[in-house]
Amino acid sequence: MANSVLLTLSTRAGSNSWMCQGVDAVGYMELWNESLKTNFGTNATTTAPPAFSDSTINLYKSGKLKSTDWMKAITAVGSETQHNLSMSGAATR
């Protein structure tokens, strides 16, 4: 899969970043919903409601909603054009 999610962990000593390849919109929503089931501070399971409903996830799975490949979008080759115009001389009144 071409989609990516950048995970950044911040600590008092600094931050670490990892590029996780292959996480699209469906994978992200499923992982986020799964993360809400566990309180990582106490490692206990919780009953928090899911952030994304099954119907929303199914819209992406069926292709009715499209996921954006952000890495492709921000690293796409672009073009730049520069124009300069200068005039000199004076006109009599």
C-alpha atoms as a PDB file:
ATOM      1  CA  MET A   1       0.000   0.000   0.000  1.00  0.00           C
ATOM      2  CA  ALA A   2       1.251   3.461  -0.783  1.00  0.00           C
ATOM      3  CA  ASN A   3      -0.206   5.340   2.178  1.00  0.00           C
ATOM      4  CA  SER A   4       1.833   6.156   5.265  1.00  0.00           C
ATOM      5  CA  VAL A   5       1.435   7.452   8.775  1.00  0.00           C
ATOM      6  CA  LEU A   6       4.249   9.246  10.611  1.00  0.00           C
ATOM      7  CA  LEU A   7       4.334   8.334  14.282  1.00  0.00           C
ATOM      8  CA  THR A   8       6.187  10.675  16.645  1.00  0.00           C
ATOM      9  CA  LEU A   9       6.863   9.860  20.274  1.00  0.00           C
ATOM     10  CA  SER A  10       7.896  12.813  22.429  1.00  0.00           C
ATOM     11  CA  THR A  11       9.792  12.391  25.672  1.00  0.00           C
ATOM     12  CA  ARG A  12      11.670  14.718  27.980  1.00  0.00           C
ATOM     13  CA  ALA A  13      14.901  13.683  26.267  1.00  0.00           C
ATOM     14  CA  GLY A  14      13.615  14.456  22.770  1.00  0.00           C
ATOM     15  CA  SER A  15      11.466  12.839  20.137  1.00  0.00           C
ATOM     16  CA  ASN A  16      11.727   9.805  17.902  1.00  0.00           C
ATOM     17  CA  SER A  17       9.932   9.373  14.596  1.00  0.00           C
ATOM     18  CA  TRP A  18       9.208   6.255  12.594  1.00  0.00           C
ATOM     19  CA  MET A  19       7.699   5.969   9.140  1.00  0.00           C
ATOM     20  CA  CYS A  20       5.156   3.168   9.058  1.00  0.00           C
ATOM     21  CA  GLN A  21       4.447   2.040   5.530  1.00  0.00           C
ATOM     22  CA  GLY A  22       1.154   0.563   4.449  1.00  0.00           C
ATOM     23  CA  VAL A  23      -1.358   2.213   6.769  1.00  0.00           C
ATOM     24  CA  ASP A  24      -4.299   3.522   4.777  1.00  0.00           C
ATOM     25  CA  ALA A  25      -7.490   5.157   6.048  1.00  0.00           C
ATOM     26  CA  VAL A  26      -9.132   1.850   6.953  1.00  0.00           C
ATOM     27  CA  GLY A  27      -6.039   0.596   8.784  1.00  0.00           C
ATOM     28  CA  TYR A  28      -5.702   3.882  10.651  1.00  0.00           C
ATOM     29  CA  MET A  29      -9.346   3.892  11.764  1.00  0.00           C
ATOM     30  CA  GLU A  30      -9.177   0.260  12.876  1.00  0.00           C
ATOM     31  CA  LEU A  31      -5.924   0.855  14.794  1.00  0.00           C
ATOM     32  CA  TRP A  32      -7.319   3.986  16.441  1.00  0.00           C
ATOM     33  CA  ASN A  33     -10.487   2.178  17.522  1.00  0.00           C
ATOM     34  CA  GLU A  34      -8.357  -0.674  18.888  1.00  0.00           C
ATOM     35  CA  SER A  35      -6.133   1.763  20.817  1.00  0.00           C
ATOM     36  CA  LEU A  36      -9.210   3.160  22.585  1.00  0.00           C
ATOM     37  CA  LYS A  37      -9.903  -0.262  24.063  1.00  0.00           C
ATOM     38  CA  THR A  38      -6.736  -0.183  26.201  1.00  0.00           C
ATOM     39  CA  ASN A  39      -5.639   2.407  28.736  1.00  0.00           C
ATOM     40  CA  PHE A  40      -1.898   2.315  28.160  1.00  0.00           C
ATOM     41  CA  GLY A  41      -1.168   4.002  31.485  1.00  0.00           C
ATOM     42  CA  THR A  42      -2.666   1.117  33.473  1.00  0.00           C
ATOM     43  CA  ASN A  43      -2.754  -1.521  30.701  1.00  0.00           C
ATOM     44  CA  ALA A  44      -6.403  -2.132  31.538  1.00  0.00           C
ATOM     45  CA  THR A  45      -9.169  -2.587  28.996  1.00  0.00           C
ATOM     46  CA  THR A  46     -11.737   0.191  28.773  1.00  0.00           C
ATOM     47  CA  THR A  47     -15.198   0.581  27.335  1.00  0.00           C
ATOM     48  CA  ALA A  48     -14.560   3.798  25.408  1.00  0.00           C
ATOM     49  CA  PRO A  49     -16.761   4.206  22.354  1.00  0.00           C
ATOM     50  CA  PRO A  50     -14.977   3.785  19.014  1.00  0.00           C
ATOM     51  CA  ALA A  51     -13.787   6.962  17.305  1.00  0.00           C
ATOM     52  CA  PHE A  52     -14.862   5.617  13.896  1.00  0.00           C
ATOM     53  CA  SER A  53     -18.095   3.733  13.323  1.00  0.00           C
ATOM     54  CA  ASP A  54     -18.207   0.476  11.386  1.00  0.00           C
ATOM     55  CA  SER A  55     -20.351   2.188   8.749  1.00  0.00           C
ATOM     56  CA  THR A  56     -17.668   4.853   8.178  1.00  0.00           C
ATOM     57  CA  ILE A  57     -14.947   2.215   7.917  1.00  0.00           C
ATOM     58  CA  ASN A  58     -17.083   0.221   5.474  1.00  0.00           C
ATOM     59  CA  LEU A  59     -17.494   3.302   3.232  1.00  0.00           C
ATOM     60  CA  TYR A  60     -13.710   3.398   2.812  1.00  0.00           C
ATOM     61  CA  LYS A  61     -13.481  -0.380   2.385  1.00  0.00           C
ATOM     62  CA  SER A  62     -16.110  -0.324  -0.380  1.00  0.00           C
ATOM     63  CA  GLY A  63     -14.397   2.532  -2.203  1.00  0.00           C
ATOM     64  CA  LYS A  64     -17.282   4.984  -1.785  1.00  0.00           C
ATOM     65  CA  LEU A  65     -14.901   7.233   0.190  1.00  0.00           C
ATOM     66  CA  LYS A  66     -11.300   7.577  -0.983  1.00  0.00           C
ATOM     67  CA  SER A  67      -8.193   7.723   1.165  1.00  0.00           C
ATOM     68  CA  THR A  68      -5.539  10.362   0.416  1.00  0.00           C
ATOM     69  CA  ASP A  69      -1.978   9.197  -0.128  1.00  0.00           C
ATOM     70  CA  TRP A  70      -0.373  12.089   1.769  1.00  0.00           C
ATOM     71  CA  MET A  71       3.214  10.980   1.227  1.00  0.00           C
ATOM     72  CA  LYS A  72       2.644  10.970  -2.524  1.00  0.00           C
ATOM     73  CA  ALA A  73       0.880  14.339  -2.338  1.00  0.00           C
ATOM     74  CA  ILE A  74       3.601  16.127  -0.366  1.00  0.00           C
ATOM     75  CA  THR A  75       6.544  14.568  -2.193  1.00  0.00           C
ATOM     76  CA  ALA A  76       5.194  14.992  -5.717  1.00  0.00           C
ATOM     77  CA  VAL A  77       7.475  16.602  -8.254  1.00  0.00           C
ATOM     78  CA  GLY A  78       6.310  20.118  -8.935  1.00  0.00           C
ATOM     79  CA  SER A  79       7.360  22.918 -11.186  1.00  0.00           C
ATOM     80  CA  GLU A  80       8.385  26.451 -10.464  1.00  0.00           C
ATOM     81  CA  THR A  81       8.289  29.373 -12.827  1.00  0.00           C
ATOM     82  CA  GLN A  82       9.932  32.712 -12.294  1.00  0.00           C
ATOM     83  CA  HIS A  83       9.333  35.799 -14.409  1.00  0.00           C
ATOM     84  CA  ASN A  84      11.181  39.093 -14.275  1.00  0.00           C
ATOM     85  CA  LEU A  85      10.028  42.290 -15.927  1.00  0.00           C
ATOM     86  CA  SER A  86      12.009  45.480 -15.977  1.00  0.00           C
ATOM     87  CA  MET A  87      11.384  48.788 -17.699  1.00  0.00           C
ATOM     88  CA  SER A  88      13.558  51.828 -17.992  1.00  0.00           C
ATOM     89  CA  GLY A  89      13.439  55.215 -19.602  1.00  0.00           C
ATOM     90  CA  ALA A  90      11.326  58.291 -19.080  1.00  0.00           C
ATOM     91  CA  ALA A  91       8.678  60.027 -21.068  1.00  0.00           C
ATOM     92  CA  THR A  92       8.356  63.790 -21.452  1.00  0.00           C
ATOM     93  CA  ARG A  93       5.141  65.432 -20.469  1.00  0.00           C
END
